[in-house]
Amino acid sequence: MALRNEELTRLRRHRVPTWWRDAKLGIFVHWTPASVPGFAPVDAEIGDLLQSDTPDALAASPYSEWYENSLRFPSSAVARHHRAVYGDRPYDAFARDWETGLEQWDPDAWAARFARTGARYLVLVAKHADGYSLWPTGVGHPHRDRWHSTRDVVGELADAVRRAGLRFGVYYCGGLDWSFEPRPMGSMGSTIASIPRGDYPAYAEAQVRELIERYRPSVLWNDVAWPATGDRLWPLLAHYYEHVPDGVINDRWMPWSPALSLARTALGRRAIDAGSRRQARRDGGLLPPKPPHFDVRTPEYLTFADIQRDPSETVRGMDRSFGFNRNSRPEHFIAQTELVWTLVDIAAKGGNLLINVGPRGIDAQIPAEQTARLEWLEDWLRQHSEAVMATSPWVTPGTTTVEGQPVRYTARDDDVYAFVRGFGRVTLSDVLATRTTRVSTVGGSALPWQGSPGGLAVDIPAPGPSGVSVAVLHQVDALG
């Protein structure tokens, strides 16, 4: 126990690097064999399913990358779709189609597209829960031969992204691997029960060490949990920091505990399910529990209500899925106004947005609906990056103007950036003018304003299609 505490103390000396705190925007890429069928139901969002009392609610997961799991429920939408389109074709046969699609892949074109958005880093899913590795791993799989890409997708994209000026990170699903543990997962209890044991923890550790040593990822992003106990995990994380001193790990590294064995019992699963539903209803969605050590929190498809003490990174897809879902319709995708506001809202609270791209598996192309949203970010940040990148939260993230429009704030040095969902004369009830106050656009053009005891009134110009206007407040104080 003393040794474990000493190892944890050393890990906790690590500080989240400035490059990550300043980034504000990153790109997540989910691209697996499941991207070939590219199908998931769109009836419910993941947060709704986590709060649901319906048995096996996760069989209806909107995440297309969970295709193989959903396929194990015979009456699920995925199973019905698969029988109608593919008959009895096994899931692992999609890997051949995915590899054929690589013939049309241009990693440099991807990297250039991502860099133009203004994003500062990229996180690639190197291995999802289906166990398929996107690099020619040298770690032997004890149950499925050659369950990996023959082309070094991780290495090629890492090189391309770095040439484009972005940091490169990897995602590894350490908590689940259906090529080791095939039991269906319909709830959080059955998900915990599906964390593989036996020869899997050593396999997962060897793969993560290989990713660290080959690719030196600036972000090491684990999912669900870690299959080994803390005495094995802490040296692995220390190994990462030794190789990447300014690296970042997320908050999904909860180490295995014998208590989790209760999930293998019906009573234990019911208890976990009940607790999970309560937590999801309290948080409004998926917020992982804090493990003993992490660098950043990763809420999923939800945003915090206020400024957080811990660094945070909100993760979400452009529709209801991370992987490509051909079933998504226009109404399932995030609107332009919501996308820009989400970025602003998260930055005002000190966090980053990790927005996901889900390429097609059949031809390695990014769908038009997703490319359009990357272009929206590019267009808006081209004019307003100063107000977002390398900023800090102000004394308040913002609420609404006196007139009722939502408002958010970021700050740098003596400047405060006010983001308003609206335009015209607005009164910022949080802001007090001083004798040296000036107000301008991000480009430096003066804006008319008037100070009063009730706040700072500013004439905001029309925002364009983003729906978000920005005013720079020079030399102001917080009201109250």
Protein backbone atom coordinates (compact mmCIF):
# COMPACT_ATOMS: atom_id res chain seq x y z
CA MET A 1 0.00 0.00 0.00
CA ALA A 2 2.83 2.42 0.84
CA LEU A 3 4.46 1.76 -2.55
CA ARG A 4 1.14 2.29 -4.32
CA ASN A 5 0.63 5.61 -2.54
CA GLU A 6 4.15 6.69 -3.44
CA GLU A 7 3.57 5.89 -7.12
CA LEU A 8 0.28 7.80 -7.10
CA THR A 9 1.94 10.79 -5.45
CA ARG A 10 4.54 10.90 -8.21
CA LEU A 11 1.86 10.69 -10.90
CA ARG A 12 -0.13 13.49 -9.32
CA ARG A 13 2.81 15.85 -9.63
CA HIS A 14 2.14 15.89 -13.35
CA ARG A 15 0.42 19.08 -14.53
CA VAL A 16 -1.78 19.51 -17.58
CA PRO A 17 0.46 21.26 -20.14
CA THR A 18 -0.20 24.73 -21.46
CA TRP A 19 -0.55 23.49 -25.05
CA TRP A 20 -3.60 21.45 -24.04
CA ARG A 21 -5.22 24.16 -21.92
CA ASP A 22 -4.80 26.67 -24.78
CA ALA A 23 -6.07 24.34 -27.51
CA LYS A 24 -9.85 24.60 -26.89
CA LEU A 25 -10.64 22.49 -29.97
CA GLY A 26 -9.56 18.97 -30.89
CA ILE A 27 -10.70 16.37 -33.43
CA PHE A 28 -11.71 12.84 -32.44
CA VAL A 29 -11.72 10.15 -35.18
CA HIS A 30 -13.76 6.94 -34.84
CA TRP A 31 -13.06 4.72 -37.86
CA THR A 32 -13.38 0.97 -37.35
CA PRO A 33 -14.71 -2.08 -39.26
CA ALA A 34 -18.13 -1.03 -37.95
CA SER A 35 -17.82 1.99 -40.26
CA VAL A 36 -18.46 -0.37 -43.19
CA PRO A 37 -22.09 -1.24 -42.33
CA GLY A 38 -22.30 2.18 -40.66
CA PHE A 39 -25.66 1.60 -39.01
CA ALA A 40 -27.23 2.38 -35.63
CA PRO A 41 -30.74 3.33 -34.52
CA VAL A 42 -31.37 7.07 -34.10
CA ASP A 43 -34.44 6.94 -31.84
CA ALA A 44 -32.65 7.94 -28.63
CA GLU A 45 -29.51 9.73 -27.51
CA ILE A 46 -27.02 7.92 -25.30
CA GLY A 47 -27.94 10.00 -22.24
CA ASP A 48 -31.58 8.93 -22.56
CA LEU A 49 -30.61 5.25 -22.68
CA LEU A 50 -28.35 5.56 -19.64
CA GLN A 51 -31.26 7.01 -17.68
CA SER A 52 -33.78 4.46 -18.96
CA ASP A 53 -35.41 1.71 -16.88
CA THR A 54 -35.83 -0.40 -20.03
CA PRO A 55 -33.98 -3.73 -19.74
CA ASP A 56 -30.98 -3.96 -22.08
CA ALA A 57 -31.49 -0.36 -23.20
CA LEU A 58 -27.95 -0.23 -24.64
CA ALA A 59 -28.96 -2.78 -27.28
CA ALA A 60 -30.48 0.29 -28.98
CA SER A 61 -27.25 2.29 -28.73
CA PRO A 62 -27.05 5.16 -31.24
CA TYR A 63 -23.29 4.56 -31.45
CA SER A 64 -22.59 2.73 -34.72
CA GLU A 65 -19.16 1.67 -33.43
CA TRP A 66 -21.11 -0.60 -31.03
CA TYR A 67 -22.55 -2.51 -34.02
CA GLU A 68 -21.00 -5.82 -33.01
CA ASN A 69 -22.46 -5.62 -29.51
CA SER A 70 -25.91 -4.59 -30.72
CA LEU A 71 -25.77 -7.47 -33.21
CA ARG A 72 -25.74 -9.90 -30.26
CA PHE A 73 -29.31 -8.95 -29.34
CA PRO A 74 -31.44 -10.86 -31.92
CA SER A 75 -34.37 -8.44 -31.77
CA SER A 76 -32.31 -5.24 -31.91
CA ALA A 77 -32.56 -2.80 -34.82
CA VAL A 78 -28.96 -3.62 -35.75
CA ALA A 79 -29.59 -7.38 -35.78
CA ARG A 80 -32.66 -6.95 -37.97
CA HIS A 81 -30.77 -4.66 -40.34
CA HIS A 82 -27.83 -7.06 -40.50
CA ARG A 83 -30.00 -10.07 -41.34
CA ALA A 84 -31.76 -8.12 -44.08
CA VAL A 85 -28.59 -6.68 -45.67
CA TYR A 86 -25.78 -9.11 -44.82
CA GLY A 87 -27.50 -12.36 -43.90
CA ASP A 88 -25.29 -14.45 -41.64
CA ARG A 89 -22.03 -12.66 -42.52
CA PRO A 90 -19.86 -12.43 -39.37
CA TYR A 91 -18.81 -9.06 -38.04
CA ASP A 92 -15.09 -9.72 -38.46
CA ALA A 93 -15.56 -9.99 -42.26
CA PHE A 94 -16.05 -6.20 -42.35
CA ALA A 95 -12.35 -5.78 -41.61
CA ARG A 96 -11.52 -6.89 -45.19
CA ASP A 97 -13.85 -4.24 -46.63
CA TRP A 98 -12.37 -1.63 -44.31
CA GLU A 99 -8.83 -2.47 -45.47
CA THR A 100 -9.93 -2.29 -49.11
CA GLY A 101 -11.31 1.19 -48.40
CA LEU A 102 -7.82 2.26 -47.34
CA GLU A 103 -6.82 2.32 -50.99
CA GLN A 104 -8.74 5.62 -51.25
CA TRP A 105 -7.39 7.10 -48.02
CA ASP A 106 -5.29 10.29 -48.11
CA PRO A 107 -4.01 11.02 -44.58
CA ASP A 108 -2.44 14.33 -45.63
CA ALA A 109 -5.77 15.55 -47.01
CA TRP A 110 -7.44 14.63 -43.73
CA ALA A 111 -4.77 16.40 -41.71
CA ALA A 112 -5.01 19.56 -43.82
CA ARG A 113 -8.81 19.55 -43.49
CA PHE A 114 -8.59 19.19 -39.69
CA ALA A 115 -5.91 21.87 -39.36
CA ARG A 116 -8.04 24.38 -41.28
CA THR A 117 -10.78 24.15 -38.66
CA GLY A 118 -8.47 25.73 -36.09
CA ALA A 119 -8.18 22.51 -34.07
CA ARG A 120 -4.89 22.09 -32.23
CA TYR A 121 -4.82 18.31 -31.73
CA LEU A 122 -6.31 15.05 -32.97
CA VAL A 123 -7.14 11.81 -31.16
CA LEU A 124 -7.45 8.69 -33.32
CA VAL A 125 -9.23 5.55 -32.15
CA ALA A 126 -6.38 3.04 -32.41
CA LYS A 127 -8.43 0.16 -30.97
CA HIS A 128 -12.12 0.25 -30.11
CA ALA A 129 -14.13 -2.36 -28.24
CA ASP A 130 -14.23 -4.70 -31.26
CA GLY A 131 -10.50 -5.23 -30.63
CA TYR A 132 -9.38 -4.41 -34.17
CA SER A 133 -6.04 -2.57 -34.06
CA LEU A 134 -5.36 0.18 -36.61
CA TRP A 135 -1.64 -0.55 -36.68
CA PRO A 136 0.38 -3.70 -37.42
CA THR A 137 0.81 -4.56 -33.78
CA GLY A 138 3.60 -6.85 -32.73
CA VAL A 139 1.56 -8.06 -29.75
CA GLY A 140 0.15 -11.48 -30.49
CA HIS A 141 -3.62 -11.87 -30.12
CA PRO A 142 -4.29 -15.11 -28.23
CA HIS A 143 -7.80 -15.64 -29.66
CA ARG A 144 -8.01 -14.05 -33.12
CA ASP A 145 -5.18 -14.19 -35.63
CA ARG A 146 -4.24 -11.05 -37.60
CA TRP A 147 -7.00 -8.95 -36.04
CA HIS A 148 -5.24 -5.74 -37.04
CA SER A 149 -4.60 -3.50 -40.02
CA THR A 150 -1.71 -4.46 -42.29
CA ARG A 151 -1.20 -0.79 -43.07
CA ASP A 152 0.11 1.44 -40.27
CA VAL A 153 -2.90 3.75 -40.09
CA VAL A 154 -1.86 5.12 -36.69
CA GLY A 155 1.65 5.93 -37.86
CA GLU A 156 0.62 7.44 -41.19
CA LEU A 157 -1.99 9.70 -39.64
CA ALA A 158 0.39 10.68 -36.82
CA ASP A 159 2.98 11.80 -39.37
CA ALA A 160 0.41 13.67 -41.48
CA VAL A 161 -1.16 15.43 -38.50
CA ARG A 162 2.20 16.54 -37.15
CA ARG A 163 3.24 17.84 -40.57
CA ALA A 164 0.05 19.93 -40.54
CA GLY A 165 1.03 21.45 -37.19
CA LEU A 166 -1.33 19.54 -34.89
CA ARG A 167 -0.57 17.38 -31.87
CA PHE A 168 -1.43 13.68 -32.24
CA GLY A 169 -3.09 11.44 -29.67
CA VAL A 170 -4.46 7.91 -29.50
CA TYR A 171 -7.60 6.38 -28.02
CA TYR A 172 -7.41 2.80 -26.74
CA CYS A 173 -10.46 0.98 -25.39
CA GLY A 174 -8.81 -0.74 -22.46
CA GLY A 175 -12.00 -1.60 -20.62
CA LEU A 176 -13.67 -3.66 -23.33
CA ASP A 177 -12.56 -6.03 -26.07
CA TRP A 178 -15.21 -8.21 -27.66
CA SER A 179 -12.58 -10.44 -29.26
CA PHE A 180 -11.74 -11.53 -25.69
CA GLU A 181 -15.14 -11.25 -24.00
CA PRO A 182 -18.20 -11.66 -26.28
CA ARG A 183 -21.06 -11.46 -23.77
CA PRO A 184 -23.79 -8.96 -24.81
CA MET A 185 -23.89 -5.64 -22.97
CA GLY A 186 -27.30 -4.08 -22.52
CA SER A 187 -26.69 -2.03 -19.39
CA MET A 188 -23.90 -0.56 -17.32
CA GLY A 189 -23.90 -3.62 -15.06
CA SER A 190 -23.39 -6.02 -17.96
CA THR A 191 -20.77 -3.63 -19.39
CA ILE A 192 -18.73 -3.83 -16.17
CA ALA A 193 -19.19 -7.60 -16.20
CA SER A 194 -17.70 -7.64 -19.72
CA ILE A 195 -14.32 -6.16 -18.75
CA PRO A 196 -12.07 -9.05 -19.83
CA ARG A 197 -9.87 -10.81 -17.34
CA GLY A 198 -7.49 -13.73 -17.85
CA ASP A 199 -4.89 -13.01 -20.54
CA TYR A 200 -6.43 -9.69 -21.57
CA PRO A 201 -4.84 -7.29 -19.01
CA ALA A 202 -1.33 -8.27 -20.09
CA TYR A 203 -2.33 -7.99 -23.76
CA ALA A 204 -3.81 -4.51 -23.27
CA GLU A 205 -0.79 -3.28 -21.33
CA ALA A 206 1.60 -4.57 -24.01
CA GLN A 207 -0.40 -2.83 -26.75
CA VAL A 208 -0.51 0.49 -24.90
CA ARG A 209 3.23 0.32 -24.25
CA GLU A 210 3.72 -0.35 -27.95
CA LEU A 211 1.60 2.69 -28.88
CA ILE A 212 3.57 4.87 -26.46
CA GLU A 213 6.97 3.73 -27.69
CA ARG A 214 6.17 3.78 -31.42
CA TYR A 215 4.10 6.94 -31.71
CA ARG A 216 4.77 9.12 -28.61
CA PRO A 217 1.13 10.32 -28.48
CA SER A 218 0.50 13.74 -26.93
CA VAL A 219 -2.83 12.39 -25.61
CA LEU A 220 -3.37 8.90 -24.21
CA TRP A 221 -7.14 8.39 -24.09
CA ASN A 222 -8.50 5.24 -22.48
CA ASP A 223 -12.15 4.23 -22.39
CA VAL A 224 -14.52 2.53 -19.93
CA ALA A 225 -11.95 1.33 -17.35
CA TRP A 226 -8.60 -0.42 -17.07
CA PRO A 227 -8.57 -4.23 -16.80
CA ALA A 228 -5.61 -4.47 -14.37
CA THR A 229 -5.26 -3.36 -10.77
CA GLY A 230 -3.57 -0.13 -9.76
CA ASP A 231 -0.24 -1.73 -8.96
CA ARG A 232 0.03 -2.59 -12.68
CA LEU A 233 -1.56 0.61 -13.99
CA TRP A 234 0.52 3.23 -12.15
CA PRO A 235 3.85 2.06 -13.67
CA LEU A 236 2.20 2.12 -17.12
CA LEU A 237 1.11 5.74 -16.67
CA ALA A 238 4.54 6.66 -15.33
CA HIS A 239 6.04 5.00 -18.41
CA TYR A 240 3.87 7.25 -20.57
CA TYR A 241 4.94 10.45 -18.81
CA GLU A 242 8.58 9.40 -19.08
CA HIS A 243 8.23 9.12 -22.86
CA VAL A 244 5.87 12.12 -23.27
CA PRO A 245 6.49 14.58 -20.40
CA ASP A 246 3.93 17.06 -21.76
CA GLY A 247 1.36 14.36 -22.47
CA VAL A 248 -2.23 14.20 -21.25
CA ILE A 249 -4.33 11.28 -19.99
CA ASN A 250 -8.09 11.29 -19.54
CA ASP A 251 -10.30 10.19 -16.65
CA ARG A 252 -11.34 6.72 -17.84
CA TRP A 253 -8.50 4.77 -16.25
CA MET A 254 -10.40 3.34 -13.29
CA PRO A 255 -8.29 0.30 -12.34
CA TRP A 256 -9.77 -3.12 -11.86
CA SER A 257 -10.89 -3.93 -8.33
CA PRO A 258 -12.09 -7.28 -6.95
CA ALA A 259 -15.31 -5.47 -6.02
CA LEU A 260 -16.10 -5.26 -9.73
CA SER A 261 -16.48 -9.04 -9.72
CA LEU A 262 -19.93 -8.42 -8.25
CA ALA A 263 -21.00 -7.45 -11.76
CA ARG A 264 -20.74 -11.13 -12.67
CA THR A 265 -23.76 -11.78 -10.42
CA ALA A 266 -27.37 -10.83 -11.17
CA LEU A 267 -27.69 -8.98 -7.87
CA GLY A 268 -24.48 -7.04 -8.50
CA ARG A 269 -25.56 -6.04 -12.00
CA ARG A 270 -28.91 -4.78 -10.70
CA ALA A 271 -27.13 -2.68 -8.08
CA ILE A 272 -24.73 -1.22 -10.65
CA ASP A 273 -27.58 -0.49 -13.05
CA ALA A 274 -29.58 1.32 -10.39
CA GLY A 275 -26.57 3.41 -9.34
CA SER A 276 -25.70 4.18 -12.95
CA ARG A 277 -29.23 5.39 -13.70
CA ARG A 278 -29.18 7.65 -10.66
CA GLN A 279 -25.85 9.13 -11.68
CA ALA A 280 -26.93 9.66 -15.31
CA ARG A 281 -30.11 11.40 -14.16
CA ARG A 282 -28.12 13.62 -11.81
CA ASP A 283 -25.46 14.52 -14.41
CA GLY A 284 -27.81 14.62 -17.39
CA GLY A 285 -25.77 12.03 -19.29
CA LEU A 286 -22.44 10.25 -19.28
CA LEU A 287 -19.84 11.62 -16.85
CA PRO A 288 -17.19 9.04 -15.89
CA PRO A 289 -16.38 8.59 -12.19
CA LYS A 290 -13.04 10.06 -11.14
CA PRO A 291 -10.26 7.44 -10.99
CA PRO A 292 -7.35 7.79 -8.54
CA HIS A 293 -5.28 9.64 -11.16
CA PHE A 294 -6.20 11.59 -14.30
CA ASP A 295 -5.36 14.84 -16.06
CA VAL A 296 -8.68 15.85 -17.64
CA ARG A 297 -12.38 15.06 -17.21
CA THR A 298 -14.32 13.83 -20.27
CA PRO A 299 -18.09 14.39 -20.13
CA GLU A 300 -19.81 12.79 -23.11
CA TYR A 301 -22.60 14.57 -24.99
CA LEU A 302 -23.05 16.96 -22.08
CA THR A 303 -21.51 20.21 -20.88
CA PHE A 304 -20.87 21.45 -17.37
CA ALA A 305 -23.08 24.15 -15.91
CA ASP A 306 -20.21 26.20 -14.51
CA ILE A 307 -16.44 26.71 -14.46
CA GLN A 308 -14.72 23.52 -13.34
CA ARG A 309 -11.75 23.10 -11.03
CA ASP A 310 -10.49 20.15 -13.07
CA PRO A 311 -9.48 20.59 -16.73
CA SER A 312 -12.20 19.12 -18.93
CA GLU A 313 -12.81 17.97 -22.48
CA THR A 314 -16.34 17.49 -23.75
CA VAL A 315 -16.58 14.71 -26.33
CA ARG A 316 -19.41 14.33 -28.81
CA GLY A 317 -20.18 13.35 -32.37
CA MET A 318 -21.69 15.59 -35.01
CA ASP A 319 -24.82 13.46 -34.89
CA ARG A 320 -25.86 10.95 -32.21
CA SER A 321 -23.00 8.59 -33.03
CA PHE A 322 -19.22 8.70 -33.04
CA GLY A 323 -18.75 6.18 -35.85
CA PHE A 324 -20.28 6.83 -39.28
CA ASN A 325 -24.04 6.21 -39.23
CA ARG A 326 -25.78 6.14 -42.61
CA ASN A 327 -29.09 6.09 -40.71
CA SER A 328 -28.65 9.70 -39.47
CA ARG A 329 -30.91 12.34 -40.99
CA PRO A 330 -30.37 16.14 -41.11
CA GLU A 331 -32.32 16.62 -37.88
CA HIS A 332 -29.93 14.31 -36.03
CA PHE A 333 -26.86 16.47 -36.76
CA ILE A 334 -25.80 19.42 -34.64
CA ALA A 335 -26.88 22.72 -36.19
CA GLN A 336 -24.39 25.43 -37.08
CA THR A 337 -25.57 27.75 -34.33
CA GLU A 338 -25.41 24.97 -31.73
CA LEU A 339 -21.96 23.82 -32.82
CA VAL A 340 -20.39 27.27 -32.49
CA TRP A 341 -22.22 27.96 -29.24
CA THR A 342 -21.09 24.63 -27.80
CA LEU A 343 -17.46 25.54 -28.48
CA VAL A 344 -17.95 28.98 -26.90
CA ASP A 345 -19.82 27.62 -23.89
CA ILE A 346 -17.13 25.04 -23.15
CA ALA A 347 -14.29 27.56 -23.57
CA ALA A 348 -16.05 29.96 -21.18
CA LYS A 349 -15.90 27.24 -18.55
CA GLY A 350 -12.22 26.47 -19.14
CA GLY A 351 -12.64 23.31 -21.17
CA ASN A 352 -11.91 21.91 -24.62
CA LEU A 353 -14.30 20.52 -27.22
CA LEU A 354 -13.21 17.23 -28.79
CA ILE A 355 -15.56 17.08 -31.77
CA ASN A 356 -15.76 13.74 -33.53
CA VAL A 357 -15.38 12.83 -37.19
CA GLY A 358 -16.67 9.43 -38.31
CA PRO A 359 -15.33 8.54 -41.78
CA ARG A 360 -16.98 5.89 -43.96
CA GLY A 361 -15.35 2.51 -43.79
CA ILE A 362 -16.09 1.52 -47.36
CA ASP A 363 -14.02 4.30 -48.98
CA ALA A 364 -12.16 6.15 -46.18
CA GLN A 365 -13.98 9.42 -46.95
CA ILE A 366 -15.43 11.97 -44.53
CA PRO A 367 -19.16 12.36 -45.25
CA ALA A 368 -20.39 15.70 -46.59
CA GLU A 369 -22.55 16.40 -43.51
CA GLN A 370 -19.44 16.22 -41.34
CA THR A 371 -17.20 18.16 -43.72
CA ALA A 372 -19.76 20.97 -43.71
CA ARG A 373 -19.49 21.25 -39.94
CA LEU A 374 -15.71 21.34 -40.07
CA GLU A 375 -16.08 24.20 -42.54
CA TRP A 376 -18.45 26.03 -40.17
CA LEU A 377 -15.81 25.88 -37.45
CA GLU A 378 -13.15 27.00 -39.91
CA ASP A 379 -15.18 30.00 -41.09
CA TRP A 380 -16.06 31.18 -37.61
CA LEU A 381 -12.65 30.64 -36.00
CA ARG A 382 -10.88 32.35 -38.89
CA GLN A 383 -12.43 35.58 -37.61
CA HIS A 384 -12.75 34.85 -33.91
CA SER A 385 -9.95 32.49 -32.82
CA GLU A 386 -8.42 35.28 -30.71
CA ALA A 387 -11.52 35.22 -28.53
CA VAL A 388 -11.33 31.45 -27.91
CA MET A 389 -7.83 30.01 -28.25
CA ALA A 390 -5.42 30.48 -25.32
CA THR A 391 -8.07 32.25 -23.24
CA SER A 392 -9.11 31.62 -19.65
CA PRO A 393 -12.50 31.71 -17.96
CA TRP A 394 -13.54 35.11 -16.65
CA VAL A 395 -15.02 35.60 -13.17
CA THR A 396 -18.29 34.14 -14.48
CA PRO A 397 -18.97 32.00 -17.55
CA GLY A 398 -22.04 34.18 -18.25
CA THR A 399 -25.80 33.74 -18.09
CA THR A 400 -28.08 36.04 -20.11
CA THR A 401 -28.18 39.70 -21.07
CA VAL A 402 -30.78 41.98 -19.49
CA GLU A 403 -32.75 41.56 -22.72
CA GLY A 404 -32.68 37.77 -22.38
CA GLN A 405 -30.03 36.63 -24.87
CA PRO A 406 -27.55 33.96 -23.74
CA VAL A 407 -24.05 35.35 -23.13
CA ARG A 408 -20.66 33.75 -22.34
CA TYR A 409 -17.26 35.25 -21.45
CA THR A 410 -13.61 34.37 -21.89
CA ALA A 411 -10.61 36.48 -20.89
CA ARG A 412 -7.01 37.20 -21.77
CA ASP A 413 -4.87 39.73 -19.87
CA ASP A 414 -7.08 42.87 -19.48
CA ASP A 415 -9.53 41.95 -22.23
CA VAL A 416 -12.86 40.18 -21.80
CA TYR A 417 -14.58 38.58 -24.79
CA ALA A 418 -18.37 38.60 -24.68
CA PHE A 419 -20.22 36.09 -26.89
CA VAL A 420 -23.90 36.84 -27.42
CA ARG A 421 -26.54 34.76 -29.17
CA GLY A 422 -28.14 37.80 -30.73
CA PHE A 423 -27.35 41.32 -31.88
CA GLY A 424 -28.44 44.94 -31.56
CA ARG A 425 -28.35 46.83 -28.24
CA VAL A 426 -27.63 44.30 -25.47
CA THR A 427 -26.94 44.96 -21.79
CA LEU A 428 -24.24 42.81 -20.17
CA SER A 429 -25.44 42.69 -16.57
CA ASP A 430 -22.17 41.13 -15.34
CA VAL A 431 -19.91 43.94 -16.60
CA LEU A 432 -19.01 47.30 -15.07
CA ALA A 433 -17.34 50.03 -17.16
CA THR A 434 -14.27 51.89 -15.92
CA ARG A 435 -12.78 55.24 -16.92
CA THR A 436 -10.56 53.48 -19.49
CA THR A 437 -13.13 51.08 -20.94
CA ARG A 438 -13.26 50.55 -24.71
CA VAL A 439 -15.39 48.13 -26.70
CA SER A 440 -14.54 46.76 -30.13
CA THR A 441 -15.01 43.89 -32.53
CA VAL A 442 -12.35 41.17 -32.63
CA GLY A 443 -10.96 42.94 -35.69
CA GLY A 444 -10.51 46.18 -33.72
CA SER A 445 -13.42 48.30 -34.97
CA ALA A 446 -14.98 50.41 -32.22
CA LEU A 447 -18.49 49.49 -31.04
CA PRO A 448 -20.90 51.99 -29.46
CA TRP A 449 -21.45 51.37 -25.77
CA GLN A 450 -22.83 52.96 -22.63
CA GLY A 451 -22.10 52.19 -19.00
CA SER A 452 -24.72 52.13 -16.26
CA PRO A 453 -25.14 50.70 -12.74
CA GLY A 454 -27.11 47.87 -14.32
CA GLY A 455 -24.37 46.78 -16.68
CA LEU A 456 -22.62 47.62 -19.93
CA ALA A 457 -24.88 48.29 -22.92
CA VAL A 458 -23.24 47.49 -26.27
CA ASP A 459 -24.43 47.72 -29.86
CA ILE A 460 -23.61 44.24 -31.20
CA PRO A 461 -23.38 43.71 -34.99
CA ALA A 462 -25.32 40.95 -36.73
CA PRO A 463 -23.52 37.63 -36.27
CA GLY A 464 -24.02 35.89 -39.60
CA PRO A 465 -25.00 32.20 -39.91
CA SER A 466 -23.20 31.16 -36.70
CA GLY A 467 -25.69 33.12 -34.61
CA VAL A 468 -22.91 34.16 -32.21
CA SER A 469 -21.68 37.77 -32.01
CA VAL A 470 -18.46 38.74 -30.24
CA ALA A 471 -17.49 42.00 -28.54
CA VAL A 472 -14.10 42.69 -26.98
CA LEU A 473 -14.39 44.55 -23.70
CA HIS A 474 -11.17 46.39 -22.88
CA GLN A 475 -10.50 47.49 -19.28
CA VAL A 476 -13.74 46.47 -17.57
CA ASP A 477 -14.60 45.16 -14.12
CA ALA A 478 -17.07 42.57 -12.93
CA LEU A 479 -20.30 44.04 -11.63
CA GLY A 480 -20.95 43.11 -8.03
